[in-house]
Amino acid sequence: MAIAPALTAGFSAVTGPTEIERDREIRYDGDASFLGFVGAELSFRVRQAPNVELVYQPHHRSGANGTIGDMKEGSNANTLGIRYRF
C-alpha cells in the first residue's frame, strides 16, 4: 500500500455560506463568501490498482483571525472520496 500526504492552500469563494459560517457572519459582522482555505490530504492506493486512490481531506475555511472578510472563524469539513487518475 502506498500512502501519500499533500497540502493545498489558497482561497475559497462560495455563493452561500454554511449554517455555522452564517452564524459567525452575524456574530463578527463579517462576510464568509471569500475566505482562506487549507486542506491537508492523505491518499491511499494499492499496487494492484495504481490509478485509484482513497482520499481523506479535512477542509478548513478561515478568515485568518479577521484578516479576510472580517471573519475570526470559518468552518471545517471532513471529506472522504475516491480519486481516479486518467
C-alpha atoms as a PDB file:
ATOM      1  CA  MET A   1       0.000   0.000   0.000  1.00  0.00           C
ATOM      2  CA  ALA A   2       1.224   3.479  -0.885  1.00  0.00           C
ATOM      3  CA  ILE A   3       0.314   6.412   1.361  1.00  0.00           C
ATOM      4  CA  ALA A   4       0.891   9.957   0.116  1.00  0.00           C
ATOM      5  CA  PRO A   5       0.441  13.216   2.044  1.00  0.00           C
ATOM      6  CA  ALA A   6      -0.376  16.522   0.349  1.00  0.00           C
ATOM      7  CA  LEU A   7      -1.266  20.080   1.315  1.00  0.00           C
ATOM      8  CA  THR A   8      -3.477  22.525  -0.557  1.00  0.00           C
ATOM      9  CA  ALA A   9      -3.700  26.200   0.377  1.00  0.00           C
ATOM     10  CA  GLY A  10      -5.391  29.128  -1.275  1.00  0.00           C
ATOM     11  CA  PHE A  11      -8.724  30.916  -1.293  1.00  0.00           C
ATOM     12  CA  SER A  12     -12.299  29.663  -1.231  1.00  0.00           C
ATOM     13  CA  ALA A  13     -15.302  31.519  -2.676  1.00  0.00           C
ATOM     14  CA  VAL A  14     -18.898  30.432  -2.098  1.00  0.00           C
ATOM     15  CA  THR A  15     -22.271  31.778  -3.209  1.00  0.00           C
ATOM     16  CA  GLY A  16     -23.911  30.881   0.094  1.00  0.00           C
ATOM     17  CA  PRO A  17     -22.329  30.240   3.497  1.00  0.00           C
ATOM     18  CA  THR A  18     -22.953  27.139   5.573  1.00  0.00           C
ATOM     19  CA  GLU A  19     -25.154  27.499   8.629  1.00  0.00           C
ATOM     20  CA  ILE A  20     -22.203  27.729  11.015  1.00  0.00           C
ATOM     21  CA  GLU A  21     -20.488  30.336   8.811  1.00  0.00           C
ATOM     22  CA  ARG A  22     -23.740  32.341   8.644  1.00  0.00           C
ATOM     23  CA  ASP A  23     -23.898  32.347  12.457  1.00  0.00           C
ATOM     24  CA  ARG A  24     -20.308  33.584  12.559  1.00  0.00           C
ATOM     25  CA  GLU A  25     -21.022  36.266   9.935  1.00  0.00           C
ATOM     26  CA  ILE A  26     -23.704  37.617  12.254  1.00  0.00           C
ATOM     27  CA  ARG A  27     -21.520  37.318  15.366  1.00  0.00           C
ATOM     28  CA  TYR A  28     -18.499  39.091  13.833  1.00  0.00           C
ATOM     29  CA  ASP A  29     -20.367  41.297  11.308  1.00  0.00           C
ATOM     30  CA  GLY A  30     -18.273  39.602   8.633  1.00  0.00           C
ATOM     31  CA  ASP A  31     -18.609  38.134   5.145  1.00  0.00           C
ATOM     32  CA  ALA A  32     -17.862  34.422   4.621  1.00  0.00           C
ATOM     33  CA  SER A  33     -18.253  34.480   0.828  1.00  0.00           C
ATOM     34  CA  PHE A  34     -14.457  34.702   0.311  1.00  0.00           C
ATOM     35  CA  LEU A  35     -12.090  33.105   2.850  1.00  0.00           C
ATOM     36  CA  GLY A  36      -8.734  31.389   3.041  1.00  0.00           C
ATOM     37  CA  PHE A  37      -8.576  27.634   2.535  1.00  0.00           C
ATOM     38  CA  VAL A  38      -6.228  24.940   3.821  1.00  0.00           C
ATOM     39  CA  GLY A  39      -6.648  21.245   3.150  1.00  0.00           C
ATOM     40  CA  ALA A  40      -4.230  18.584   4.341  1.00  0.00           C
ATOM     41  CA  GLU A  41      -4.659  15.307   2.488  1.00  0.00           C
ATOM     42  CA  LEU A  42      -3.806  11.641   2.831  1.00  0.00           C
ATOM     43  CA  SER A  43      -4.281   9.327  -0.132  1.00  0.00           C
ATOM     44  CA  PHE A  44      -4.078   5.546  -0.070  1.00  0.00           C
ATOM     45  CA  ARG A  45      -3.638   3.193  -3.022  1.00  0.00           C
ATOM     46  CA  VAL A  46      -2.730  -0.417  -3.594  1.00  0.00           C
ATOM     47  CA  ARG A  47      -0.242  -1.565  -6.221  1.00  0.00           C
ATOM     48  CA  GLN A  48      -2.859  -3.709  -7.953  1.00  0.00           C
ATOM     49  CA  ALA A  49      -4.877  -0.551  -8.816  1.00  0.00           C
ATOM     50  CA  PRO A  50      -2.349   2.294  -9.222  1.00  0.00           C
ATOM     51  CA  ASN A  51      -4.887   4.700 -10.787  1.00  0.00           C
ATOM     52  CA  VAL A  52      -7.415   4.504  -7.937  1.00  0.00           C
ATOM     53  CA  GLU A  53      -6.897   6.226  -4.577  1.00  0.00           C
ATOM     54  CA  LEU A  54      -8.918   6.583  -1.404  1.00  0.00           C
ATOM     55  CA  VAL A  55      -8.526  10.211  -0.311  1.00  0.00           C
ATOM     56  CA  TYR A  56      -9.167  11.812   3.092  1.00  0.00           C
ATOM     57  CA  GLN A  57      -9.015  15.609   3.308  1.00  0.00           C
ATOM     58  CA  PRO A  58     -10.176  17.884   6.121  1.00  0.00           C
ATOM     59  CA  HIS A  59     -11.203  21.232   4.589  1.00  0.00           C
ATOM     60  CA  HIS A  60     -10.591  24.354   6.677  1.00  0.00           C
ATOM     61  CA  ARG A  61     -12.030  27.716   5.619  1.00  0.00           C
ATOM     62  CA  SER A  62     -10.702  30.606   7.653  1.00  0.00           C
ATOM     63  CA  GLY A  63     -10.825  34.374   7.906  1.00  0.00           C
ATOM     64  CA  ALA A  64      -7.285  34.314   9.337  1.00  0.00           C
ATOM     65  CA  ASN A  65      -8.433  35.869  12.622  1.00  0.00           C
ATOM     66  CA  GLY A  66     -10.301  38.725  10.943  1.00  0.00           C
ATOM     67  CA  THR A  67      -7.844  39.397   8.105  1.00  0.00           C
ATOM     68  CA  ILE A  68     -10.185  38.115   5.369  1.00  0.00           C
ATOM     69  CA  GLY A  69     -13.867  39.108   5.317  1.00  0.00           C
ATOM     70  CA  ASP A  70     -13.731  40.323   8.939  1.00  0.00           C
ATOM     71  CA  MET A  71     -14.227  36.676   9.935  1.00  0.00           C
ATOM     72  CA  LYS A  72     -12.375  35.493  13.035  1.00  0.00           C
ATOM     73  CA  GLU A  73     -13.519  31.919  12.400  1.00  0.00           C
ATOM     74  CA  GLY A  74     -14.589  29.898   9.373  1.00  0.00           C
ATOM     75  CA  SER A  75     -15.579  26.257   9.269  1.00  0.00           C
ATOM     76  CA  ASN A  76     -14.228  22.737   8.882  1.00  0.00           C
ATOM     77  CA  ALA A  77     -15.445  19.761   6.889  1.00  0.00           C
ATOM     78  CA  ASN A  78     -14.041  16.235   6.746  1.00  0.00           C
ATOM     79  CA  THR A  79     -14.187  14.709   3.277  1.00  0.00           C
ATOM     80  CA  LEU A  80     -13.581  11.198   2.021  1.00  0.00           C
ATOM     81  CA  GLY A  81     -13.518  10.289  -1.638  1.00  0.00           C
ATOM     82  CA  ILE A  82     -12.189   8.145  -4.431  1.00  0.00           C
ATOM     83  CA  ARG A  83      -9.798   9.624  -6.970  1.00  0.00           C
ATOM     84  CA  TYR A  84      -9.243   8.060 -10.364  1.00  0.00           C
ATOM     85  CA  ARG A  85      -6.108   9.128 -12.225  1.00  0.00           C
ATOM     86  CA  PHE A  86      -6.529   9.127 -16.014  1.00  0.00           C
END
